C-alpha atoms as a PDB file:
ATOM      1  CA  MET A   1     -12.865  15.597 -33.066  1.00  0.00           C
ATOM      2  CA  LEU A   2     -12.206  12.084 -31.344  1.00  0.00           C
ATOM      3  CA  GLU A   3      -9.249  12.241 -33.504  1.00  0.00           C
ATOM      4  CA  ASN A   4      -7.318  14.353 -30.489  1.00  0.00           C
ATOM      5  CA  TYR A   5      -8.127  11.866 -28.113  1.00  0.00           C
ATOM      6  CA  LEU A   6      -6.625   8.421 -30.166  1.00  0.00           C
ATOM      7  CA  PRO A   7      -3.183   9.240 -28.417  1.00  0.00           C
ATOM      8  CA  ILE A   8      -5.028   9.014 -25.055  1.00  0.00           C
ATOM      9  CA  LEU A   9      -6.610   5.545 -25.914  1.00  0.00           C
ATOM     10  CA  ILE A  10      -3.324   4.495 -26.720  1.00  0.00           C
ATOM     11  CA  PHE A  11      -1.645   4.973 -24.200  1.00  0.00           C
ATOM     12  CA  ILE A  12      -4.310   3.314 -21.654  1.00  0.00           C
ATOM     13  CA  VAL A  13      -4.431   0.141 -24.040  1.00  0.00           C
ATOM     14  CA  ILE A  14      -0.482   0.289 -23.471  1.00  0.00           C
ATOM     15  CA  GLY A  15      -0.691   1.004 -19.787  1.00  0.00           C
ATOM     16  CA  LEU A  16      -3.485  -1.729 -19.394  1.00  0.00           C
ATOM     17  CA  PHE A  17      -1.325  -4.456 -21.541  1.00  0.00           C
ATOM     18  CA  VAL A  18       2.093  -3.384 -19.468  1.00  0.00           C
ATOM     19  CA  GLY A  19       0.293  -4.221 -16.456  1.00  0.00           C
ATOM     20  CA  VAL A  20      -1.617  -7.043 -17.058  1.00  0.00           C
ATOM     21  CA  ALA A  21       1.476  -8.255 -18.752  1.00  0.00           C
ATOM     22  CA  ALA A  22       3.786  -7.501 -15.908  1.00  0.00           C
ATOM     23  CA  MET A  23       1.074  -9.383 -13.340  1.00  0.00           C
ATOM     24  CA  GLY A  24       0.749 -12.512 -15.439  1.00  0.00           C
ATOM     25  CA  MET A  25       4.455 -13.224 -15.982  1.00  0.00           C
ATOM     26  CA  GLY A  26       4.046 -12.849 -11.979  1.00  0.00           C
ATOM     27  CA  PHE A  27       2.259 -14.971 -11.598  1.00  0.00           C
ATOM     28  CA  ILE A  28       3.482 -17.685 -14.375  1.00  0.00           C
ATOM     29  CA  LEU A  29       6.796 -17.554 -13.269  1.00  0.00           C
ATOM     30  CA  SER A  30       7.003 -17.026  -9.082  1.00  0.00           C
ATOM     31  CA  PRO A  31       7.807 -20.212  -7.239  1.00  0.00           C
ATOM     32  CA  ARG A  32       4.253 -21.496  -5.270  1.00  0.00           C
ATOM     33  CA  ASN A  33       5.782 -23.342  -2.569  1.00  0.00           C
ATOM     34  CA  PRO A  34       3.919 -22.288   1.103  1.00  0.00           C
ATOM     35  CA  ASP A  35       4.404 -22.881   4.358  1.00  0.00           C
ATOM     36  CA  GLU A  36       2.631 -22.411   7.845  1.00  0.00           C
ATOM     37  CA  GLU A  37       5.444 -19.931   8.625  1.00  0.00           C
ATOM     38  CA  LYS A  38       4.348 -17.356   5.189  1.00  0.00           C
ATOM     39  CA  GLY A  39       1.060 -17.985   6.069  1.00  0.00           C
ATOM     40  CA  SER A  40       1.473 -16.705   9.681  1.00  0.00           C
ATOM     41  CA  ARG A  41       0.174 -13.225  10.948  1.00  0.00           C
ATOM     42  CA  TYR A  42       2.757 -11.202  11.399  1.00  0.00           C
ATOM     43  CA  GLU A  43       2.698  -8.037  12.913  1.00  0.00           C
ATOM     44  CA  CYS A  44       6.162  -5.601  13.868  1.00  0.00           C
ATOM     45  CA  GLY A  45       8.200  -8.580  14.634  1.00  0.00           C
ATOM     46  CA  PHE A  46       6.396 -10.657  17.018  1.00  0.00           C
ATOM     47  CA  GLU A  47       3.192 -12.447  16.959  1.00  0.00           C
ATOM     48  CA  ALA A  48      -0.395 -10.735  17.297  1.00  0.00           C
ATOM     49  CA  PHE A  49      -1.331 -10.381  20.544  1.00  0.00           C
ATOM     50  CA  GLU A  50      -5.166  -9.056  20.116  1.00  0.00           C
ATOM     51  CA  ASP A  51      -7.853  -8.649  17.911  1.00  0.00           C
ATOM     52  CA  ALA A  52      -7.071  -6.690  15.230  1.00  0.00           C
ATOM     53  CA  ARG A  53     -10.602  -4.431  15.668  1.00  0.00           C
ATOM     54  CA  MET A  54      -9.456  -3.259  19.015  1.00  0.00           C
ATOM     55  CA  LYS A  55      -9.672   0.272  19.488  1.00  0.00           C
ATOM     56  CA  PHE A  56      -7.177   2.827  19.290  1.00  0.00           C
ATOM     57  CA  ASP A  57      -6.635   6.219  21.167  1.00  0.00           C
ATOM     58  CA  VAL A  58      -8.192   9.433  19.046  1.00  0.00           C
ATOM     59  CA  ARG A  59      -4.504  10.829  19.878  1.00  0.00           C
ATOM     60  CA  PHE A  60      -3.452   8.037  17.038  1.00  0.00           C
ATOM     61  CA  TYR A  61      -5.802   9.737  14.416  1.00  0.00           C
ATOM     62  CA  LEU A  62      -5.134  13.464  15.775  1.00  0.00           C
ATOM     63  CA  VAL A  63      -1.810  12.938  14.987  1.00  0.00           C
ATOM     64  CA  ALA A  64      -2.788  11.774  11.134  1.00  0.00           C
ATOM     65  CA  ILE A  65      -5.006  14.202  10.555  1.00  0.00           C
ATOM     66  CA  LEU A  66      -2.263  16.845  11.980  1.00  0.00           C
ATOM     67  CA  PHE A  67       0.402  15.586   9.889  1.00  0.00           C
ATOM     68  CA  ILE A  68      -2.037  15.921   6.365  1.00  0.00           C
ATOM     69  CA  LEU A  69      -2.556  18.921   7.322  1.00  0.00           C
ATOM     70  CA  PHE A  70       0.848  19.979   7.789  1.00  0.00           C
ATOM     71  CA  ASP A  71       1.696  18.269   4.838  1.00  0.00           C
ATOM     72  CA  LEU A  72      -0.996  19.506   2.393  1.00  0.00           C
ATOM     73  CA  GLU A  73       0.346  23.092   3.453  1.00  0.00           C
ATOM     74  CA  ILE A  74       4.361  21.886   2.399  1.00  0.00           C
ATOM     75  CA  ALA A  75       2.686  20.407  -0.848  1.00  0.00           C
ATOM     76  CA  PHE A  76       1.210  24.421  -1.446  1.00  0.00           C
ATOM     77  CA  PHE A  77       4.631  26.227  -1.282  1.00  0.00           C
ATOM     78  CA  PHE A  78       6.380  24.429  -3.868  1.00  0.00           C
ATOM     79  CA  PRO A  79       3.390  25.555  -6.701  1.00  0.00           C
ATOM     80  CA  TRP A  80       3.366  28.672  -5.008  1.00  0.00           C
ATOM     81  CA  ALA A  81       6.852  29.479  -4.826  1.00  0.00           C
ATOM     82  CA  VAL A  82       7.847  28.336  -8.652  1.00  0.00           C
ATOM     83  CA  VAL A  83       5.393  31.080 -10.123  1.00  0.00           C
ATOM     84  CA  LEU A  84       5.551  33.887  -7.031  1.00  0.00           C
ATOM     85  CA  ASP A  85       6.991  36.168  -9.915  1.00  0.00           C
ATOM     86  CA  GLN A  86       4.411  36.127 -12.070  1.00  0.00           C
ATOM     87  CA  ILE A  87       1.484  36.194  -9.475  1.00  0.00           C
ATOM     88  CA  GLY A  88       2.916  39.313  -8.305  1.00  0.00           C
ATOM     89  CA  PRO A  89       1.412  41.090  -4.595  1.00  0.00           C
ATOM     90  CA  THR A  90      -1.716  39.582  -4.833  1.00  0.00           C
ATOM     91  CA  GLY A  91      -0.614  35.746  -4.627  1.00  0.00           C
ATOM     92  CA  PHE A  92       2.119  36.931  -2.203  1.00  0.00           C
ATOM     93  CA  TRP A  93      -0.768  38.056   0.511  1.00  0.00           C
ATOM     94  CA  ALA A  94      -2.749  35.549  -0.550  1.00  0.00           C
ATOM     95  CA  MET A  95      -0.510  33.115   0.744  1.00  0.00           C
ATOM     96  CA  MET A  96       0.239  34.582   3.714  1.00  0.00           C
ATOM     97  CA  ILE A  97      -3.512  35.004   4.327  1.00  0.00           C
ATOM     98  CA  PHE A  98      -3.144  31.113   4.148  1.00  0.00           C
ATOM     99  CA  LEU A  99      -0.077  30.853   5.980  1.00  0.00           C
ATOM    100  CA  GLY A 100      -1.622  32.916   8.981  1.00  0.00           C
ATOM    101  CA  ILE A 101      -4.655  30.653   9.042  1.00  0.00           C
ATOM    102  CA  LEU A 102      -2.748  27.663   9.306  1.00  0.00           C
ATOM    103  CA  VAL A 103      -0.668  29.269  12.095  1.00  0.00           C
ATOM    104  CA  VAL A 104      -3.830  30.297  13.978  1.00  0.00           C
ATOM    105  CA  GLY A 105      -4.471  26.479  13.882  1.00  0.00           C
ATOM    106  CA  PHE A 106      -1.208  25.486  14.797  1.00  0.00           C
ATOM    107  CA  ILE A 107      -1.008  27.729  17.938  1.00  0.00           C
ATOM    108  CA  TYR A 108      -4.748  26.734  19.439  1.00  0.00           C
ATOM    109  CA  GLU A 109      -3.490  22.862  18.852  1.00  0.00           C
ATOM    110  CA  TRP A 110      -0.709  23.701  20.540  1.00  0.00           C
ATOM    111  CA  LYS A 111      -2.392  25.129  23.397  1.00  0.00           C
ATOM    112  CA  LYS A 112      -4.834  22.986  23.788  1.00  0.00           C
ATOM    113  CA  GLY A 113      -2.053  20.057  23.999  1.00  0.00           C
ATOM    114  CA  ALA A 114      -2.996  17.847  20.816  1.00  0.00           C
ATOM    115  CA  LEU A 115       1.144  18.256  20.084  1.00  0.00           C
ATOM    116  CA  GLU A 116       2.107  16.730  23.503  1.00  0.00           C
ATOM    117  CA  TRP A 117       2.063  13.127  23.408  1.00  0.00           C
ATOM    118  CA  GLU A 118       2.098  11.183  27.281  1.00  0.00           C
END
């Protein structure tokens, strides 16, 4: 029974070997000539002007969560569209209910002003 796992073990060993070999070659072959400019902090084309622990507006997090939500929605569309002819009307209506819930959430966010940037 364990012989079924031998190809997986070989694949893991080869993957680890290739990863370690690539990192080792990069470490050995890369030039080492650091200077002050390379070691300096760099942020969006100019020097950092505040502490990294400054407070962010909650809208940044809200936009990120909304992006993840709608990104996941799109990620569910592709497998559903591929097997739509196999899952029949039940799968179709299940996705319509899912989309309906997401649309209600989207309308709620829109009405609350979460999508407006001041």
